[in-house]
C-alpha atoms as a PDB file:
ATOM      1  CA  ARG A   1     -78.834  -2.923 -24.160  1.00  0.00           C
ATOM      2  CA  VAL A   2     -75.526  -1.522 -25.329  1.00  0.00           C
ATOM      3  CA  MET A   3     -74.149  -5.014 -26.142  1.00  0.00           C
ATOM      4  CA  GLN A   4     -76.963  -6.340 -27.833  1.00  0.00           C
ATOM      5  CA  GLN A   5     -77.323  -3.306 -30.045  1.00  0.00           C
ATOM      6  CA  ALA A   6     -73.420  -3.356 -30.935  1.00  0.00           C
ATOM      7  CA  LYS A   7     -73.552  -7.038 -31.294  1.00  0.00           C
ATOM      8  CA  ALA A   8     -77.052  -6.841 -33.591  1.00  0.00           C
ATOM      9  CA  ALA A   9     -75.616  -3.877 -35.584  1.00  0.00           C
ATOM     10  CA  SER A  10     -71.902  -5.304 -35.706  1.00  0.00           C
ATOM     11  CA  ALA A  11     -73.708  -8.579 -37.657  1.00  0.00           C
ATOM     12  CA  LEU A  12     -74.544  -6.233 -40.623  1.00  0.00           C
ATOM     13  CA  THR A  13     -72.634  -4.695 -43.386  1.00  0.00           C
ATOM     14  CA  HIS A  14     -74.373  -2.252 -45.527  1.00  0.00           C
ATOM     15  CA  PRO A  15     -73.768   1.094 -46.490  1.00  0.00           C
ATOM     16  CA  ASN A  16     -76.743   2.626 -45.162  1.00  0.00           C
ATOM     17  CA  ILE A  17     -76.512   0.839 -41.923  1.00  0.00           C
ATOM     18  CA  LEU A  18     -74.235   2.390 -39.050  1.00  0.00           C
ATOM     19  CA  THR A  19     -70.809   0.531 -38.723  1.00  0.00           C
ATOM     20  CA  VAL A  20     -69.617  -0.668 -35.744  1.00  0.00           C
ATOM     21  CA  TYR A  21     -65.947  -1.333 -35.665  1.00  0.00           C
ATOM     22  CA  GLU A  22     -65.509  -2.282 -32.254  1.00  0.00           C
ATOM     23  CA  ILE A  23     -67.329  -3.443 -28.628  1.00  0.00           C
ATOM     24  CA  GLY A  24     -65.367  -3.670 -25.636  1.00  0.00           C
ATOM     25  CA  GLU A  25     -64.651  -2.851 -22.260  1.00  0.00           C
ATOM     26  CA  ILE A  26     -62.505  -1.203 -20.140  1.00  0.00           C
ATOM     27  CA  GLU A  27     -62.225  -0.821 -16.113  1.00  0.00           C
ATOM     28  CA  GLY A  28     -66.174  -1.807 -16.065  1.00  0.00           C
ATOM     29  CA  TRP A  29     -66.993   0.354 -18.550  1.00  0.00           C
ATOM     30  CA  ARG A  30     -68.629  -1.129 -21.782  1.00  0.00           C
ATOM     31  CA  PHE A  31     -68.176   0.669 -24.977  1.00  0.00           C
ATOM     32  CA  MET A  32     -69.369   0.563 -28.641  1.00  0.00           C
ATOM     33  CA  ALA A  33     -67.165   2.452 -31.532  1.00  0.00           C
ATOM     34  CA  THR A  34     -69.024   3.244 -34.542  1.00  0.00           C
ATOM     35  CA  GLU A  35     -68.095   5.181 -37.506  1.00  0.00           C
ATOM     36  CA  PHE A  36     -68.582   9.069 -37.083  1.00  0.00           C
ATOM     37  CA  ILE A  37     -71.446  10.401 -38.990  1.00  0.00           C
ATOM     38  CA  LYS A  38     -71.100  14.309 -39.851  1.00  0.00           C
ATOM     39  CA  GLY A  39     -75.087  15.398 -40.474  1.00  0.00           C
ATOM     40  CA  SER A  40     -78.000  15.130 -38.946  1.00  0.00           C
ATOM     41  CA  THR A  41     -81.030  13.023 -38.011  1.00  0.00           C
ATOM     42  CA  LEU A  42     -84.369  12.758 -39.965  1.00  0.00           C
ATOM     43  CA  SER A  43     -86.113  14.388 -37.011  1.00  0.00           C
ATOM     44  CA  GLN A  44     -83.476  17.358 -37.073  1.00  0.00           C
ATOM     45  CA  ARG A  45     -84.139  17.446 -40.992  1.00  0.00           C
ATOM     46  CA  LEU A  46     -87.711  17.432 -40.691  1.00  0.00           C
ATOM     47  CA  ARG A  47     -87.941  20.427 -38.250  1.00  0.00           C
ATOM     48  CA  ALA A  48     -86.545  22.505 -41.019  1.00  0.00           C
ATOM     49  CA  GLY A  49     -89.114  21.595 -43.302  1.00  0.00           C
ATOM     50  CA  ASN A  50     -90.649  18.510 -45.661  1.00  0.00           C
ATOM     51  CA  PRO A  51     -88.493  17.757 -48.303  1.00  0.00           C
ATOM     52  CA  ALA A  52     -88.721  17.279 -51.559  1.00  0.00           C
ATOM     53  CA  LEU A  53     -90.762  14.917 -53.193  1.00  0.00           C
ATOM     54  CA  ALA A  54     -87.494  13.468 -54.985  1.00  0.00           C
ATOM     55  CA  GLU A  55     -85.198  13.883 -51.597  1.00  0.00           C
ATOM     56  CA  THR A  56     -87.871  11.985 -49.826  1.00  0.00           C
ATOM     57  CA  LEU A  57     -87.909   9.111 -52.224  1.00  0.00           C
ATOM     58  CA  GLU A  58     -84.153   8.620 -52.006  1.00  0.00           C
ATOM     59  CA  ILE A  59     -84.197   9.285 -48.067  1.00  0.00           C
ATOM     60  CA  ALA A  60     -86.959   5.934 -48.491  1.00  0.00           C
ATOM     61  CA  VAL A  61     -85.087   3.996 -51.005  1.00  0.00           C
ATOM     62  CA  GLN A  62     -82.055   3.887 -48.715  1.00  0.00           C
ATOM     63  CA  ILE A  63     -84.105   3.679 -45.535  1.00  0.00           C
ATOM     64  CA  ALA A  64     -85.825   0.504 -47.427  1.00  0.00           C
ATOM     65  CA  SER A  65     -82.352  -0.956 -48.816  1.00  0.00           C
ATOM     66  CA  ALA A  66     -80.849  -1.228 -45.128  1.00  0.00           C
ATOM     67  CA  LEU A  67     -84.080  -3.028 -43.661  1.00  0.00           C
ATOM     68  CA  GLU A  68     -83.584  -5.161 -46.457  1.00  0.00           C
ATOM     69  CA  ALA A  69     -80.209  -5.917 -45.141  1.00  0.00           C
ATOM     70  CA  ALA A  70     -81.292  -6.062 -41.716  1.00  0.00           C
ATOM     71  CA  HIS A  71     -84.277  -8.582 -42.384  1.00  0.00           C
ATOM     72  CA  ALA A  72     -82.214 -10.818 -44.602  1.00  0.00           C
ATOM     73  CA  ALA A  73     -79.468 -11.210 -41.901  1.00  0.00           C
ATOM     74  CA  GLY A  74     -83.017 -11.929 -39.550  1.00  0.00           C
ATOM     75  CA  ILE A  75     -82.289  -9.132 -37.573  1.00  0.00           C
ATOM     76  CA  VAL A  76     -85.850  -6.578 -36.669  1.00  0.00           C
ATOM     77  CA  HIS A  77     -84.766  -3.135 -35.649  1.00  0.00           C
ATOM     78  CA  ARG A  78     -87.980  -2.403 -33.642  1.00  0.00           C
ATOM     79  CA  ASP A  79     -87.652   0.999 -33.489  1.00  0.00           C
ATOM     80  CA  ILE A  80     -87.702   2.620 -36.648  1.00  0.00           C
ATOM     81  CA  LYS A  81     -87.851   6.279 -36.552  1.00  0.00           C
ATOM     82  CA  PRO A  82     -86.701   9.701 -37.511  1.00  0.00           C
ATOM     83  CA  ASP A  83     -84.135   9.839 -34.289  1.00  0.00           C
ATOM     84  CA  ASN A  84     -82.448   6.635 -35.529  1.00  0.00           C
ATOM     85  CA  ILE A  85     -82.350   7.898 -38.993  1.00  0.00           C
ATOM     86  CA  MET A  86     -79.043   9.797 -39.905  1.00  0.00           C
ATOM     87  CA  ILE A  87     -78.235  11.665 -43.048  1.00  0.00           C
ATOM     88  CA  ARG A  88     -75.060  12.617 -43.925  1.00  0.00           C
ATOM     89  CA  GLU A  89     -73.968  15.822 -45.847  1.00  0.00           C
ATOM     90  CA  ASP A  90     -73.827  13.862 -48.709  1.00  0.00           C
ATOM     91  CA  GLY A  91     -76.920  12.426 -48.665  1.00  0.00           C
ATOM     92  CA  ILE A  92     -76.011   8.577 -47.406  1.00  0.00           C
ATOM     93  CA  VAL A  93     -78.747   7.579 -45.143  1.00  0.00           C
ATOM     94  CA  LYS A  94     -77.564   5.744 -42.105  1.00  0.00           C
ATOM     95  CA  VAL A  95     -80.093   3.657 -39.894  1.00  0.00           C
ATOM     96  CA  LEU A  96     -78.684   3.546 -36.454  1.00  0.00           C
ATOM     97  CA  ASP A  97     -79.690   2.434 -32.820  1.00  0.00           C
ATOM     98  CA  PHE A  98     -80.280  -1.120 -33.118  1.00  0.00           C
ATOM     99  CA  GLY A  99     -80.749  -1.286 -29.048  1.00  0.00           C
ATOM    100  CA  LEU A 100     -83.877  -2.915 -29.607  1.00  0.00           C
ATOM    101  CA  ALA A 101     -83.175  -5.310 -32.561  1.00  0.00           C
ATOM    102  CA  LYS A 102     -84.124  -8.605 -32.318  1.00  0.00           C
ATOM    103  CA  LEU A 103     -83.562 -11.883 -34.385  1.00  0.00           C
ATOM    104  CA  ALA A 104     -86.603 -12.340 -36.135  1.00  0.00           C
ATOM    105  CA  GLU A 105     -88.315 -15.615 -35.391  1.00  0.00           C
ATOM    106  CA  LYS A 106     -87.758 -18.602 -37.441  1.00  0.00           C
ATOM    107  CA  ARG A 107     -91.148 -19.416 -39.650  1.00  0.00           C
ATOM    108  CA  VAL A 108     -91.899 -22.891 -40.693  1.00  0.00           C
ATOM    109  CA  GLY A 109     -90.111 -23.906 -43.710  1.00  0.00           C
ATOM    110  CA  ASP A 110     -87.046 -21.203 -43.811  1.00  0.00           C
ATOM    111  CA  ALA A 111     -83.906 -22.538 -44.470  1.00  0.00           C
ATOM    112  CA  PRO A 112     -81.941 -24.143 -41.548  1.00  0.00           C
ATOM    113  CA  ASP A 113     -80.055 -21.572 -39.480  1.00  0.00           C
ATOM    114  CA  THR A 114     -76.032 -22.514 -40.332  1.00  0.00           C
ATOM    115  CA  ASP A 115     -75.046 -19.704 -38.171  1.00  0.00           C
ATOM    116  CA  ALA A 116     -77.683 -20.107 -35.167  1.00  0.00           C
ATOM    117  CA  ALA A 117     -74.844 -21.949 -32.730  1.00  0.00           C
ATOM    118  CA  THR A 118     -72.538 -18.685 -33.554  1.00  0.00           C
ATOM    119  CA  ARG A 119     -75.086 -15.650 -32.913  1.00  0.00           C
ATOM    120  CA  GLN A 120     -76.410 -14.420 -29.767  1.00  0.00           C
ATOM    121  CA  LYS A 121     -79.977 -14.774 -29.222  1.00  0.00           C
ATOM    122  CA  ILE A 122     -81.439 -11.220 -28.803  1.00  0.00           C
ATOM    123  CA  SER A 123     -85.151 -11.614 -26.796  1.00  0.00           C
ATOM    124  CA  THR A 124     -87.260  -9.791 -24.867  1.00  0.00           C
ATOM    125  CA  LEU A 125     -90.233 -11.211 -22.809  1.00  0.00           C
ATOM    126  CA  PRO A 126     -93.331 -11.740 -24.496  1.00  0.00           C
ATOM    127  CA  GLY A 127     -96.368  -9.092 -23.669  1.00  0.00           C
ATOM    128  CA  VAL A 128     -93.282  -6.545 -22.926  1.00  0.00           C
ATOM    129  CA  ILE A 129     -94.118  -3.303 -24.754  1.00  0.00           C
ATOM    130  CA  ARG A 130     -90.498  -1.765 -26.137  1.00  0.00           C
ATOM    131  CA  GLY A 131     -90.367   1.053 -28.633  1.00  0.00           C
ATOM    132  CA  THR A 132     -91.734   4.768 -29.570  1.00  0.00           C
ATOM    133  CA  PRO A 133     -95.575   4.510 -29.537  1.00  0.00           C
ATOM    134  CA  HIS A 134     -95.925   7.017 -32.734  1.00  0.00           C
ATOM    135  CA  PHE A 135     -93.677   4.419 -34.888  1.00  0.00           C
ATOM    136  CA  MET A 136     -95.512   1.311 -33.685  1.00  0.00           C
ATOM    137  CA  SER A 137     -97.080  -1.504 -35.456  1.00  0.00           C
ATOM    138  CA  PRO A 138     -99.889  -2.739 -34.108  1.00  0.00           C
ATOM    139  CA  GLU A 139     -98.696  -6.109 -32.756  1.00  0.00           C
ATOM    140  CA  GLN A 140     -95.610  -4.264 -31.485  1.00  0.00           C
ATOM    141  CA  ALA A 141     -98.255  -1.951 -29.304  1.00  0.00           C
ATOM    142  CA  ARG A 142    -100.231  -5.028 -28.224  1.00  0.00           C
ATOM    143  CA  GLY A 143     -96.471  -7.202 -27.120  1.00  0.00           C
ATOM    144  CA  LEU A 144     -97.059  -9.370 -29.696  1.00  0.00           C
ATOM    145  CA  ALA A 145     -94.440 -11.516 -31.655  1.00  0.00           C
ATOM    146  CA  LEU A 146     -92.803  -9.415 -34.180  1.00  0.00           C
ATOM    147  CA  ASP A 147     -91.449  -9.919 -37.273  1.00  0.00           C
ATOM    148  CA  ARG A 148     -90.212  -7.835 -40.358  1.00  0.00           C
ATOM    149  CA  GLN A 149     -93.670  -6.694 -40.811  1.00  0.00           C
ATOM    150  CA  THR A 150     -93.361  -4.240 -37.473  1.00  0.00           C
ATOM    151  CA  ASP A 151     -90.054  -2.692 -39.263  1.00  0.00           C
ATOM    152  CA  ILE A 152     -92.337  -2.216 -42.617  1.00  0.00           C
ATOM    153  CA  PHE A 153     -95.218  -0.558 -40.709  1.00  0.00           C
ATOM    154  CA  SER A 154     -92.674   1.879 -38.608  1.00  0.00           C
ATOM    155  CA  PHE A 155     -91.036   2.712 -42.102  1.00  0.00           C
ATOM    156  CA  GLY A 156     -94.649   3.474 -43.558  1.00  0.00           C
ATOM    157  CA  VAL A 157     -95.009   5.794 -40.511  1.00  0.00           C
ATOM    158  CA  VAL A 158     -91.275   7.441 -41.639  1.00  0.00           C
ATOM    159  CA  LEU A 159     -92.543   8.191 -44.886  1.00  0.00           C
ATOM    160  CA  TYR A 160     -95.836   9.268 -44.273  1.00  0.00           C
ATOM    161  CA  GLU A 161     -94.692  11.810 -41.879  1.00  0.00           C
ATOM    162  CA  MET A 162     -92.001  13.020 -44.532  1.00  0.00           C
ATOM    163  CA  LEU A 163     -94.880  13.294 -47.446  1.00  0.00           C
ATOM    164  CA  ALA A 164     -97.508  15.006 -45.257  1.00  0.00           C
ATOM    165  CA  GLY A 165     -95.864  16.752 -42.645  1.00  0.00           C
ATOM    166  CA  HIS A 166     -97.376  15.306 -39.396  1.00  0.00           C
ATOM    167  CA  LEU A 167     -97.413  11.919 -37.902  1.00  0.00           C
ATOM    168  CA  PRO A 168    -100.702   9.812 -38.594  1.00  0.00           C
ATOM    169  CA  PHE A 169    -101.445   8.488 -35.143  1.00  0.00           C
ATOM    170  CA  ASP A 170    -101.162  10.880 -32.437  1.00  0.00           C
ATOM    171  CA  GLY A 171    -102.679  11.896 -29.098  1.00  0.00           C
ATOM    172  CA  GLU A 172    -102.383  13.555 -25.732  1.00  0.00           C
ATOM    173  CA  THR A 173    -100.927  10.610 -24.234  1.00  0.00           C
ATOM    174  CA  THR A 174     -98.985   7.639 -24.869  1.00  0.00           C
ATOM    175  CA  SER A 175    -102.182   5.526 -24.449  1.00  0.00           C
ATOM    176  CA  ASP A 176    -104.306   7.674 -26.605  1.00  0.00           C
ATOM    177  CA  ILE A 177    -101.478   7.053 -29.303  1.00  0.00           C
ATOM    178  CA  ILE A 178    -101.278   3.526 -28.772  1.00  0.00           C
ATOM    179  CA  ALA A 179    -105.022   3.378 -29.034  1.00  0.00           C
ATOM    180  CA  ALA A 180    -105.050   4.953 -32.661  1.00  0.00           C
ATOM    181  CA  VAL A 181    -101.882   2.956 -33.795  1.00  0.00           C
ATOM    182  CA  LEU A 182    -104.402  -0.224 -32.611  1.00  0.00           C
END
C-alpha cells in the first residue's frame, strides 16, 4: 500500500496535493519522502469548531482543485475525508494519503492512454470494500467499480460536515452507517 500510495501521489503535481520527493527501499524497509506540512488536518480544524462560510468555501475550492487534477490524471482517490486533508498555517490545503487510490477505468469514447505502458495499474479485487464508511459513496459501499464520482460524493460529505457541523450519515455500527449511505 505504501508503494501504491507513493506511485499514485508522485504521478500528480499540483499545489493542493502532497508532493512526493522520493520512493525507495533501504535494508528491506520501504519508504516515501514527502514535503513537510506544518498545519493541521481538517478533522482537527473541525474539532475546534466549524469554519466560517468564507473559510469553508476557500477550503472546498482547493479540495476540488486537487480532485480535478487527480481525475484529469486518471486517478481516483477513494478515501476523501477530513483526516486526509491538511490545512497549512498559511491556509493552503493539501490532499494526502493516496493509499487507496486507483486508476479510473477507461470509458468508451475516452482518448487512448498513451502513458498506459509506463503507468502501474493500481487495482483491488471487485466486491472488496475499502474506505471510511462515513464518507463512502453508495457504489463504494456496495463494492462496485468506481470512478471520479465516488470522490465527488465523498467531497460532498466533507463539505456537508464543514457547513452543518455533523455528518449526513451516521449509525452505531459500520453496518448502520453503510445502510444509511445506501
